[in-house]
Protein backbone atom coordinates (compact mmCIF):
# COMPACT_ATOMS: atom_id res chain seq x y z
CA MET A 1 -5.07 0.95 11.39
CA PHE A 2 -1.53 0.06 12.43
CA ASP A 3 -0.37 3.36 13.19
CA THR A 4 -0.54 3.06 16.90
CA LEU A 5 1.26 -0.16 16.82
CA SER A 6 3.73 1.20 14.44
CA ASP A 7 4.56 4.28 16.82
CA ARG A 8 5.30 2.11 19.78
CA LEU A 9 7.31 -0.28 18.02
CA ALA A 10 9.51 2.66 16.52
CA ALA A 11 9.98 4.17 19.98
CA THR A 12 10.91 0.64 21.36
CA PHE A 13 13.49 0.02 18.61
CA LYS A 14 14.83 3.79 18.81
CA SER A 15 16.04 2.84 22.25
CA LEU A 16 18.23 0.13 21.01
CA ARG A 17 20.09 2.13 18.55
CA GLY A 18 23.48 3.41 19.29
CA LYS A 19 23.99 0.22 21.59
CA GLY A 20 26.78 -1.56 20.54
CA ARG A 21 26.16 -4.80 22.50
CA LEU A 22 22.54 -5.80 24.09
CA SER A 23 22.40 -7.43 27.36
CA GLU A 24 19.88 -9.69 28.68
CA GLU A 25 18.12 -6.92 30.60
CA ASP A 26 17.84 -4.83 27.19
CA ILE A 27 16.12 -7.57 25.49
CA ASP A 28 13.70 -8.06 28.12
CA ALA A 29 12.74 -4.52 28.47
CA THR A 30 12.37 -4.65 24.67
CA CYS A 31 10.14 -7.83 24.70
CA ARG A 32 8.09 -6.04 27.41
CA GLU A 33 7.63 -3.22 25.40
CA ILE A 34 6.52 -5.20 22.33
CA ARG A 35 4.21 -7.22 24.29
CA ILE A 36 2.34 -4.29 25.62
CA ALA A 37 2.48 -2.59 22.00
CA LEU A 38 0.47 -5.72 20.69
CA LEU A 39 -2.00 -5.95 23.62
CA GLU A 40 -2.74 -2.31 23.32
CA ALA A 41 -3.47 -2.85 19.54
CA ASP A 42 -5.78 -5.51 20.51
CA VAL A 43 -3.96 -8.70 19.57
CA ALA A 44 -5.48 -11.89 21.36
CA LEU A 45 -3.21 -12.57 24.51
CA ALA A 46 -3.09 -16.30 23.01
CA ALA A 47 -1.11 -15.00 20.24
CA VAL A 48 0.83 -12.43 21.91
CA ARG A 49 2.49 -14.93 24.12
CA PRO A 50 4.15 -17.32 21.36
CA PHE A 51 4.94 -14.31 19.38
CA ILE A 52 7.32 -12.75 22.31
CA ALA A 53 8.39 -16.13 23.33
CA ALA A 54 9.95 -16.86 19.57
CA VAL A 55 11.38 -12.93 19.49
CA LYS A 56 13.06 -13.34 22.77
CA GLU A 57 14.60 -16.85 22.11
CA ARG A 58 16.05 -15.77 18.97
CA ALA A 59 17.47 -12.32 20.54
CA LEU A 60 19.14 -14.00 23.13
CA GLY A 61 20.83 -16.39 20.49
CA ALA A 62 24.02 -16.07 18.56
CA GLU A 63 21.98 -14.35 15.69
CA VAL A 64 22.16 -10.88 17.85
CA SER A 65 25.07 -11.59 20.23
CA GLN A 66 27.46 -11.99 17.66
CA ALA A 67 26.00 -9.20 15.23
CA LEU A 68 27.45 -6.33 14.02
CA ASN A 69 24.46 -4.03 14.59
CA PRO A 70 22.43 -5.75 17.37
CA ALA A 71 19.58 -3.22 17.37
CA GLN A 72 19.25 -3.90 13.36
CA GLN A 73 19.27 -7.82 14.04
CA VAL A 74 16.60 -7.56 16.72
CA ILE A 75 14.26 -5.59 14.28
CA LYS A 76 15.06 -8.23 11.45
CA ILE A 77 13.75 -11.03 13.87
CA VAL A 78 10.33 -9.13 14.79
CA ASN A 79 9.98 -8.51 11.32
CA GLU A 80 10.42 -12.37 10.28
CA GLU A 81 8.03 -13.22 13.28
CA LEU A 82 5.57 -10.60 12.15
CA VAL A 83 5.59 -12.29 8.71
CA LYS A 84 5.07 -15.75 10.62
CA ILE A 85 2.00 -14.62 12.79
CA LEU A 86 0.21 -12.77 9.75
CA GLY A 87 0.44 -16.14 7.84
CA GLY A 88 3.64 -16.73 6.15
CA GLU A 89 3.71 -16.49 2.43
CA THR A 90 0.59 -15.09 0.19
CA ARG A 91 -2.33 -17.71 -0.01
CA ARG A 92 -3.91 -17.54 -3.45
CA LEU A 93 -6.97 -18.61 -4.46
CA ARG A 94 -7.71 -22.30 -5.40
CA PHE A 95 -9.51 -23.00 -8.71
CA ALA A 96 -11.19 -25.86 -9.78
CA LYS A 97 -10.03 -28.14 -13.02
CA GLN A 98 -13.27 -27.66 -14.51
CA PRO A 99 -14.98 -24.37 -14.36
CA PRO A 100 -16.85 -22.91 -12.51
CA THR A 101 -14.68 -22.13 -9.55
CA VAL A 102 -17.31 -21.44 -6.52
CA ILE A 103 -16.24 -19.09 -3.91
CA MET A 104 -18.66 -18.48 -0.92
CA LEU A 105 -18.52 -15.79 1.51
CA ALA A 106 -19.70 -16.15 5.05
CA GLY A 107 -19.49 -13.66 8.19
CA LEU A 108 -21.30 -11.71 10.54
CA GLN A 109 -24.04 -8.82 9.21
CA GLY A 110 -22.34 -5.67 9.11
CA SER A 111 -19.13 -7.09 7.96
CA GLY A 112 -19.11 -5.70 4.71
CA LYS A 113 -19.61 -9.14 2.88
CA THR A 114 -22.18 -7.84 0.01
CA THR A 115 -19.61 -4.77 -0.79
CA LEU A 116 -16.82 -7.23 -0.74
CA ALA A 117 -18.64 -9.38 -3.06
CA GLY A 118 -18.43 -6.77 -5.85
CA LYS A 119 -14.84 -5.71 -4.99
CA LEU A 120 -13.81 -9.50 -5.12
CA GLY A 121 -15.70 -9.74 -8.51
CA ARG A 122 -14.37 -6.81 -9.78
CA TRP A 123 -10.55 -7.97 -9.01
CA LEU A 124 -11.37 -11.36 -10.64
CA LYS A 125 -12.56 -9.66 -13.68
CA SER A 126 -9.37 -7.62 -14.20
CA ASN A 127 -7.22 -10.84 -13.75
CA GLY A 128 -9.02 -12.30 -16.90
CA HIS A 129 -11.98 -14.15 -15.07
CA ALA A 130 -15.54 -14.15 -16.14
CA PRO A 131 -17.56 -13.95 -12.58
CA VAL A 132 -20.87 -13.76 -11.57
CA LEU A 133 -22.29 -12.91 -8.06
CA VAL A 134 -25.34 -14.90 -6.48
CA ALA A 135 -27.81 -13.10 -4.31
CA ALA A 136 -28.01 -15.77 -1.78
CA ASP A 137 -29.00 -13.58 1.01
CA LEU A 138 -32.74 -13.26 0.77
CA GLN A 139 -33.29 -12.22 4.21
CA ARG A 140 -31.77 -9.11 5.06
CA PRO A 141 -34.00 -6.25 3.71
CA ASN A 142 -32.78 -5.15 0.34
CA ALA A 143 -29.55 -7.13 0.20
CA VAL A 144 -30.57 -8.68 -3.28
CA THR A 145 -31.04 -4.77 -4.64
CA GLN A 146 -27.66 -3.91 -2.75
CA LEU A 147 -25.85 -6.70 -4.66
CA GLN A 148 -27.31 -5.79 -7.93
CA VAL A 149 -26.29 -1.96 -7.49
CA VAL A 150 -22.65 -3.14 -6.51
CA GLY A 151 -22.77 -5.71 -9.30
CA GLU A 152 -23.41 -2.88 -11.88
CA ARG A 153 -20.88 -0.68 -10.45
CA ALA A 154 -18.18 -3.21 -10.68
CA GLY A 155 -19.15 -4.64 -14.22
CA VAL A 156 -20.17 -7.97 -12.99
CA PRO A 157 -23.29 -9.84 -13.80
CA VAL A 158 -25.54 -10.85 -10.83
CA TYR A 159 -28.00 -14.00 -10.41
CA ALA A 160 -30.76 -12.86 -8.53
CA PRO A 161 -34.03 -14.99 -9.31
CA GLU A 162 -35.43 -14.28 -5.96
CA PRO A 163 -36.65 -11.00 -4.48
CA GLY A 164 -35.27 -11.53 -1.07
CA ASN A 165 -36.58 -9.58 1.66
CA GLY A 166 -37.58 -12.88 3.26
CA VAL A 167 -38.69 -14.49 -0.10
CA GLY A 168 -37.61 -17.70 -1.64
CA ASP A 169 -34.81 -20.51 -0.70
CA PRO A 170 -31.10 -19.48 -0.32
CA VAL A 171 -29.98 -23.03 -0.88
CA LYS A 172 -31.65 -23.40 -4.31
CA VAL A 173 -30.62 -20.07 -5.47
CA ALA A 174 -26.86 -21.03 -4.68
CA LYS A 175 -27.62 -24.71 -6.44
CA ASP A 176 -29.20 -23.34 -9.32
CA SER A 177 -26.14 -20.79 -9.86
CA ILE A 178 -23.92 -23.37 -10.74
CA GLU A 179 -25.96 -24.31 -14.02
CA PHE A 180 -26.74 -20.48 -14.81
CA ALA A 181 -22.79 -20.03 -14.59
CA ARG A 182 -22.36 -23.17 -16.83
CA ALA A 183 -24.83 -21.84 -19.43
CA LYS A 184 -23.56 -18.28 -19.81
CA ALA A 185 -19.94 -19.27 -19.65
CA HIS A 186 -18.95 -17.76 -16.33
CA ASP A 187 -15.89 -19.54 -14.96
CA VAL A 188 -15.99 -18.24 -10.98
CA VAL A 189 -19.37 -18.00 -9.03
CA VAL A 190 -19.52 -15.65 -5.92
CA VAL A 191 -21.96 -16.72 -3.72
CA ASP A 192 -22.83 -13.68 -1.09
CA THR A 193 -24.59 -15.64 1.81
CA ALA A 194 -26.70 -14.14 4.70
CA GLY A 195 -25.08 -12.89 7.93
CA ARG A 196 -26.38 -12.20 11.41
CA LEU A 197 -26.16 -9.90 14.29
CA GLY A 198 -24.49 -12.66 16.30
CA ILE A 199 -23.49 -16.32 15.93
CA ASP A 200 -26.61 -18.75 16.09
CA ASP A 201 -27.41 -22.07 15.25
CA GLU A 202 -29.96 -21.07 12.09
CA LEU A 203 -27.30 -19.37 10.73
CA MET A 204 -24.61 -21.99 10.76
CA ARG A 205 -27.15 -24.67 9.60
CA GLN A 206 -28.07 -22.53 6.36
CA ALA A 207 -24.62 -21.68 5.70
CA ALA A 208 -23.61 -25.40 6.18
CA ASN A 209 -26.48 -26.10 3.66
CA ILE A 210 -25.21 -23.75 1.04
CA ARG A 211 -21.79 -25.07 1.46
CA ASP A 212 -22.87 -28.93 0.97
CA ALA A 213 -25.17 -27.74 -2.31
CA VAL A 214 -22.28 -25.92 -3.95
CA ASN A 215 -19.32 -27.75 -2.92
CA PRO A 216 -17.21 -24.60 -2.94
CA GLN A 217 -13.19 -24.51 -3.69
CA GLU A 218 -12.98 -21.62 -1.40
CA ILE A 219 -15.18 -20.43 1.55
CA LEU A 220 -13.78 -17.25 2.49
CA PHE A 221 -14.68 -15.66 6.09
CA VAL A 222 -15.19 -11.97 5.67
CA LEU A 223 -14.01 -10.25 9.03
CA ASP A 224 -14.67 -6.75 10.08
CA ALA A 225 -11.30 -5.58 11.19
CA MET A 226 -12.51 -3.27 13.59
CA ILE A 227 -14.07 -5.63 16.19
CA GLY A 228 -11.03 -6.15 17.92
CA GLN A 229 -9.94 -9.14 20.19
CA ASP A 230 -13.81 -10.78 19.48
CA ALA A 231 -12.43 -11.37 15.97
CA VAL A 232 -10.96 -14.80 17.23
CA THR A 233 -14.12 -15.82 19.14
CA THR A 234 -16.02 -15.01 15.97
CA ALA A 235 -13.67 -16.73 13.74
CA GLN A 236 -13.36 -19.99 16.00
CA ALA A 237 -17.23 -20.10 15.82
CA PHE A 238 -17.34 -20.12 12.04
CA LEU A 239 -14.43 -22.69 11.90
CA ASP A 240 -16.56 -25.39 14.09
CA GLY A 241 -19.86 -24.38 12.51
CA VAL A 242 -19.30 -24.13 8.69
CA GLY A 243 -15.42 -24.06 8.24
CA PHE A 244 -13.65 -21.95 5.77
CA ASP A 245 -10.30 -21.88 3.93
CA GLY A 246 -9.42 -18.28 4.15
CA VAL A 247 -10.15 -14.80 5.46
CA VAL A 248 -10.89 -11.56 4.03
CA LEU A 249 -10.15 -8.57 6.41
CA THR A 250 -12.61 -5.41 5.77
CA LYS A 251 -12.41 -1.60 6.82
CA LEU A 252 -8.66 -1.76 7.38
CA ASP A 253 -8.82 2.00 6.67
CA GLY A 254 -10.87 2.65 9.81
CA ASP A 255 -9.40 3.80 12.90
CA ALA A 256 -9.29 0.51 15.12
CA ARG A 257 -6.37 -0.78 16.04
CA GLY A 258 -5.82 -3.94 13.97
CA GLY A 259 -5.39 -6.56 16.16
CA ALA A 260 -7.78 -8.76 14.13
CA ALA A 261 -5.17 -9.20 11.53
CA LEU A 262 -2.36 -10.33 13.80
CA SER A 263 -4.36 -12.58 15.65
CA VAL A 264 -6.75 -14.72 13.28
CA ALA A 265 -4.31 -16.33 11.14
CA GLN A 266 -2.25 -17.42 14.23
CA LEU A 267 -5.02 -18.84 16.26
CA THR A 268 -7.38 -20.58 13.55
CA GLY A 269 -4.53 -21.69 11.18
CA ARG A 270 -6.33 -20.08 8.23
CA GLN A 271 -4.60 -17.31 6.38
CA VAL A 272 -5.67 -13.62 5.27
CA MET A 273 -5.96 -13.93 1.58
CA PHE A 274 -7.39 -10.51 0.84
CA ALA A 275 -7.78 -6.91 2.35
CA SER A 276 -10.36 -4.32 1.65
CA ASN A 277 -9.06 -1.04 2.73
CA GLY A 278 -11.54 1.77 1.56
CA GLU A 279 -15.28 2.60 0.26
CA LYS A 280 -14.04 2.38 -3.35
CA LEU A 281 -14.41 -0.94 -5.46
CA ASP A 282 -10.70 -0.39 -6.18
CA ASP A 283 -9.66 -0.36 -2.72
CA PHE A 284 -9.03 -4.20 -2.42
CA ASP A 285 -6.06 -6.42 -3.21
CA VAL A 286 -4.24 -9.77 -2.46
CA PHE A 287 -2.83 -9.74 1.49
CA HIS A 288 0.70 -10.07 1.54
CA PRO A 289 2.05 -11.07 4.97
CA ASP A 290 5.83 -9.73 4.47
CA ARG A 291 4.37 -6.46 2.99
CA MET A 292 2.18 -5.79 5.74
CA ALA A 293 5.08 -6.47 8.56
CA SER A 294 7.29 -4.18 6.49
CA ARG A 295 4.62 -1.21 6.79
CA ILE A 296 4.10 -2.05 10.64
CA LEU A 297 7.61 -1.52 11.23
CA GLY A 298 7.74 1.78 9.01
CA MET A 299 9.97 0.08 6.23
CA GLY A 300 7.50 1.38 3.54
CA ASP A 301 5.74 -0.99 1.08
CA MET A 302 7.56 -0.36 -2.58
CA LEU A 303 6.50 -3.59 -4.07
CA SER A 304 2.47 -2.54 -3.61
CA LEU A 305 3.63 0.89 -4.54
CA ILE A 306 4.98 -0.32 -7.83
CA GLU A 307 2.05 -2.45 -8.50
CA GLN A 308 -0.23 -0.07 -8.16
CA ALA A 309 1.98 2.44 -10.96
CA GLU A 310 1.97 -0.44 -13.27
CA LYS A 311 -2.04 -0.53 -13.49
CA ALA A 312 -2.17 3.23 -13.29
CA PHE A 313 0.32 4.03 -16.03
CA ASP A 314 -0.11 3.26 -19.56
CA ALA A 315 3.29 2.09 -20.99
CA ASP A 316 3.01 3.79 -24.46
CA GLN A 317 1.93 6.71 -22.55
CA ALA A 318 5.02 6.36 -20.29
CA GLU A 319 7.26 5.98 -23.17
CA GLU A 320 6.04 9.21 -24.94
CA MET A 321 6.52 11.11 -22.00
CA ALA A 322 9.76 9.92 -21.35
CA ARG A 323 10.50 11.09 -24.93
CA LYS A 324 8.92 14.59 -24.16
CA LEU A 325 10.69 14.89 -20.85
CA MET A 326 14.08 14.46 -23.04
CA GLY A 327 13.19 17.51 -25.16
CA GLY A 328 12.55 20.22 -22.20
CA ASP A 329 10.58 22.40 -24.02
CA THR A 330 8.33 20.20 -25.58
CA PHE A 331 6.76 19.07 -21.98
CA THR A 332 3.64 21.02 -22.10
CA LEU A 333 1.03 21.85 -19.29
CA ASP A 334 -1.30 19.15 -21.26
CA ASP A 335 1.51 16.94 -20.30
CA PHE A 336 1.76 17.82 -16.99
CA LEU A 337 -2.32 17.70 -16.52
CA ALA A 338 -2.10 13.91 -17.79
CA GLN A 339 0.80 13.31 -15.45
CA MET A 340 -1.42 14.49 -12.39
CA GLU A 341 -4.58 12.33 -13.73
CA GLN A 342 -2.36 9.10 -13.82
CA ILE A 343 -1.11 9.67 -10.16
CA ARG A 344 -4.81 10.39 -9.22
CA LYS A 345 -5.29 6.82 -10.22
CA MET A 346 -2.97 5.40 -7.97
CA GLY A 347 -4.92 6.84 -5.09
CA SER A 348 -4.39 9.52 -2.21
CA LEU A 349 -1.16 10.88 -1.99
CA SER A 350 -0.74 10.30 1.72
CA LYS A 351 -1.57 6.79 1.21
CA ILE A 352 1.31 6.61 -1.81
CA MET A 353 3.71 8.44 -0.05
CA GLY A 354 3.00 6.36 3.14
CA MET A 355 4.06 3.18 1.31
CA LEU A 356 7.69 4.93 0.90
CA PRO A 357 10.33 3.66 3.28
CA GLY A 358 11.19 5.75 6.26
CA MET A 359 7.58 8.06 5.78
CA GLY A 360 6.58 6.28 8.97
CA GLU A 361 8.34 8.87 11.11
CA MET A 362 6.30 11.52 9.39
CA LYS A 363 2.87 10.86 9.98
CA GLN A 364 2.06 14.31 11.01
CA GLN A 365 3.32 15.93 7.68
CA LEU A 366 1.52 12.98 5.78
CA ASN A 367 -1.57 13.66 7.27
CA GLN A 368 -1.46 17.29 6.37
CA VAL A 369 -0.96 16.08 2.47
CA ASP A 370 -4.02 17.65 0.68
CA ASP A 371 -5.33 15.77 -2.07
CA LYS A 372 -7.53 18.81 -2.98
CA GLU A 373 -4.21 20.63 -4.37
CA ILE A 374 -4.25 18.46 -7.61
CA ASP A 375 -8.01 19.37 -8.24
CA ARG A 376 -6.89 22.84 -7.91
CA VAL A 377 -4.15 22.31 -10.13
CA GLN A 378 -6.16 20.44 -12.73
CA ALA A 379 -8.54 23.57 -12.46
CA ILE A 380 -6.35 25.84 -13.30
CA ILE A 381 -4.61 24.27 -16.23
CA ARG A 382 -8.48 23.34 -17.62
CA SER A 383 -9.15 27.01 -17.06
CA MET A 384 -6.26 28.00 -20.03
CA THR A 385 -6.96 28.05 -23.80
CA PRO A 386 -5.03 25.11 -25.84
CA GLN A 387 -2.93 27.94 -27.10
CA GLU A 388 -1.92 28.95 -23.34
CA ARG A 389 -1.26 25.15 -22.22
CA ARG A 390 1.28 24.86 -25.44
CA GLU A 391 2.71 28.14 -24.87
CA PRO A 392 2.57 29.64 -21.22
CA LYS A 393 4.92 32.41 -22.23
CA VAL A 394 1.80 33.91 -23.64
CA ILE A 395 -0.08 34.04 -20.29
CA ASN A 396 0.07 37.98 -19.35
CA GLY A 397 -1.37 39.68 -16.40
CA SER A 398 -5.00 39.72 -17.94
CA ARG A 399 -5.18 36.02 -18.92
CA ARG A 400 -3.73 35.22 -15.25
CA ALA A 401 -6.81 36.95 -13.87
CA ARG A 402 -9.15 35.43 -16.14
CA ILE A 403 -7.70 31.84 -15.54
CA ALA A 404 -7.67 32.16 -11.75
CA LYS A 405 -11.06 33.42 -12.08
CA GLY A 406 -12.24 30.44 -14.05
CA SER A 407 -10.76 27.91 -11.54
CA GLY A 408 -11.90 29.81 -8.61
CA VAL A 409 -8.25 30.33 -7.23
CA HIS A 410 -6.18 33.62 -6.51
CA VAL A 411 -3.79 34.98 -9.03
CA SER A 412 -0.95 34.13 -6.93
CA ALA A 413 -2.00 30.40 -7.28
CA VAL A 414 -1.64 30.60 -10.87
CA ASN A 415 1.49 32.64 -10.77
CA ASN A 416 2.75 29.96 -8.43
CA LEU A 417 1.92 27.31 -10.86
CA LEU A 418 3.23 28.85 -13.58
CA GLU A 419 6.69 29.53 -11.90
CA ARG A 420 6.88 25.98 -10.82
CA PHE A 421 6.36 24.51 -14.27
CA ALA A 422 9.00 27.09 -15.84
CA GLU A 423 11.52 25.55 -13.31
CA ALA A 424 10.58 22.09 -14.06
CA GLN A 425 10.85 22.62 -17.73
CA LYS A 426 14.14 24.02 -17.39
CA MET A 427 15.34 21.12 -15.08
CA MET A 428 14.00 18.71 -17.43
CA LYS A 429 15.52 20.48 -20.38
CA SER A 430 19.11 20.39 -18.72
CA MET A 431 18.50 16.36 -17.76
CA GLY A 432 17.65 15.94 -21.48
CA ARG A 433 21.23 17.70 -22.44
CA GLY A 434 23.24 15.66 -19.79
CA GLY A 435 23.19 17.04 -16.70
CA VAL A 436 21.21 18.82 -13.94
CA PRO A 437 22.03 22.51 -12.26
CA GLY A 438 23.65 22.12 -9.22
CA LEU A 439 24.78 18.48 -9.54
CA PRO A 440 27.88 18.67 -11.90
CA GLY A 441 28.46 15.47 -13.97
CA MET A 442 25.41 13.93 -13.64
CA PRO A 443 24.28 11.97 -16.72
CA GLY A 444 21.11 12.43 -18.56
CA PHE A 445 18.40 9.70 -18.81
CA GLY A 446 19.19 8.33 -22.21
CA ALA A 447 22.21 6.35 -23.21
CA GLY A 448 24.37 8.73 -25.25
CA ASN A 449 22.78 11.92 -24.16
CA GLY A 450 25.43 14.49 -23.39
CA ARG A 451 28.91 13.81 -22.17
CA ARG A 452 29.86 11.70 -19.24
CA MET A 453 32.81 11.88 -17.17
CA SER A 454 35.56 9.86 -17.64
CA ALA A 455 37.40 7.41 -15.10
CA LYS A 456 40.31 9.28 -15.04
CA ALA A 457 38.25 12.76 -14.88
CA LYS A 458 36.27 11.06 -11.80
CA ALA A 459 39.75 10.11 -9.94
CA ASN A 460 41.34 13.37 -10.49
CA ALA A 461 38.31 15.34 -9.06
CA GLN A 462 38.31 12.85 -6.21
CA ALA A 463 41.77 13.50 -5.42
CA GLN A 464 41.32 17.25 -5.50
CA ARG A 465 38.57 17.03 -3.02
CA GLN A 466 40.74 15.12 -0.72
CA LYS A 467 43.48 17.44 -1.01
CA ASN A 468 41.21 20.40 -0.16
CA LYS A 469 39.88 18.69 2.72
CA SER A 470 41.50 20.14 6.03
CA ARG A 471 42.20 17.79 8.90
CA SER A 472 40.22 18.76 12.18
CA GLY A 473 42.39 19.81 14.92
CA ASN A 474 39.63 18.67 17.38
CA PRO A 475 40.46 14.59 18.26
CA ALA A 476 36.96 14.15 18.74
CA LYS A 477 35.65 15.68 15.59
CA ARG A 478 38.56 13.87 13.77
CA LYS A 479 37.52 10.31 15.08
CA ALA A 480 33.89 11.00 14.25
CA ASP A 481 34.87 11.99 10.79
CA GLU A 482 36.81 8.89 10.61
CA ALA A 483 33.72 6.92 11.59
CA ALA A 484 31.71 8.34 9.24
CA LYS A 485 34.06 7.73 6.38
CA ALA A 486 34.53 4.25 7.04
CA GLU A 487 30.61 3.67 7.20
CA ARG A 488 30.17 5.09 4.07
CA ALA A 489 33.12 2.94 2.64
CA ALA A 490 31.21 -0.10 4.10
CA ALA A 491 28.10 0.88 2.36
CA ALA A 492 29.61 1.43 -0.63
CA ALA A 493 31.15 -1.95 -0.51
CA ASN A 494 27.80 -3.51 0.01
CA GLY A 495 26.64 -1.91 -3.21
CA ALA A 496 24.51 0.92 -1.30
CA PRO A 497 24.63 4.30 -2.38
CA ALA A 498 26.96 6.46 -0.08
CA VAL A 499 24.73 9.68 0.57
CA PRO A 500 26.77 12.73 1.84
CA GLN A 501 25.69 13.89 5.58
CA ASN A 502 23.39 17.04 5.41
CA PHE A 503 22.61 16.29 2.03
CA GLU A 504 20.36 18.84 0.47
CA LEU A 505 18.37 18.64 -2.74
CA PRO A 506 19.26 21.12 -5.51
CA ASP A 507 16.98 24.28 -5.46
CA GLU A 508 15.78 23.30 -9.24
CA PHE A 509 14.27 20.07 -7.36
CA LYS A 510 12.88 22.34 -4.60
CA LYS A 511 11.16 24.61 -6.82
CA MET A 512 9.57 21.65 -9.02
CA LEU A 513 8.46 20.09 -5.75
CA GLY A 514 7.14 23.65 -4.38
């Protein structure tokens, strides 16, 4: 959703790099480009003006003029102001001191409230709560049935005493659900209310009556992130008519320009609390302003990636896999298949890779990542016998033809997989012994595995490399080499790893990655 905005901001900041000092004209031009980028992303003008004013004021101050790298300092300022406009700190749910906690969902029809109720219920259940969904939308055709289906898929019970389709009193259903929750020991009640195609008095009165009947701890306004600048008008109308405590953004995986997320928190004073970014029930998480700002600026989102990995990977399985990796030969195609399945639980490959820092400039390559490649690899491995998975060396020509036929691929795909697996197995075996081919002196994974290079040996090797270096006769090249050396030394002093220029992965890594 934020691709267009990210691309425009990246192009703006690229023009700043390489400048040792920023003039007032440079800052004015940068702020102008940022303003255009935000407006093109459907951010409301009332939110853009204070944002640009804050960035410009800070950029003209001492923190940029006295900085060693002014361009990076401007990016830092924009990042911090983006975090502010997105709501600042992460907002968590408030729970009642005496259960049940009541959460009421409100919003326009078509914003995704009913599906979101299931996602929220599943998320609450995964966090140790016992939620119940309440079907208080009794007017939209089949809304009650839809909530029951969503609740069943999410594994969350649904309280639906009325059939809906215009029959029943939603206020009474919402009120009775509190007693039902107490009787059945549910600690969270999620009330799904009716929506409309537009804002009208009837909707507001009904929502206000339900609010007064259940006295919710949280009223969440469900907002379709694809409606653009109209999001602010809609949110303000609900804020005046019913009131709400937080915002939930839906359809963040759409192709709209994302202005709603950057406008609603700034102009309503209510933070975005959750974000729904897909059709699956798992595509739902807490909204972190700092992480979203980092993604918009193309800096990645490592914290969310780590959290997803922790959910997907079992600790015992990971420990067992690490032990097998150390052995090299004991790493089988069954283990490889298990790893592929664990990665699949984290989501699409392009989505996972998009969270890595620096991937913002590789959008075209990420769009070409084919998730079906994992399906093809899984089909090939599952077409093998148990013996073939344990001992790939027994797979001869006729077996390869049978495996290819069974998995619906060409024999070349089977050959390619087996070659890559053999190289990976070889590399892992070398790692387990204490080194990697092509990376002399690289220690193994485990403590005490293999021999480590002593400090004296490292010093001698460094001295020898310095001695072997020839000094360029070209003054310009010599000056560039000295500048690069100073930059690496500064990075090392700051604790950053010094990566040599023109660094290239060893062939073993390339083969493993295909």
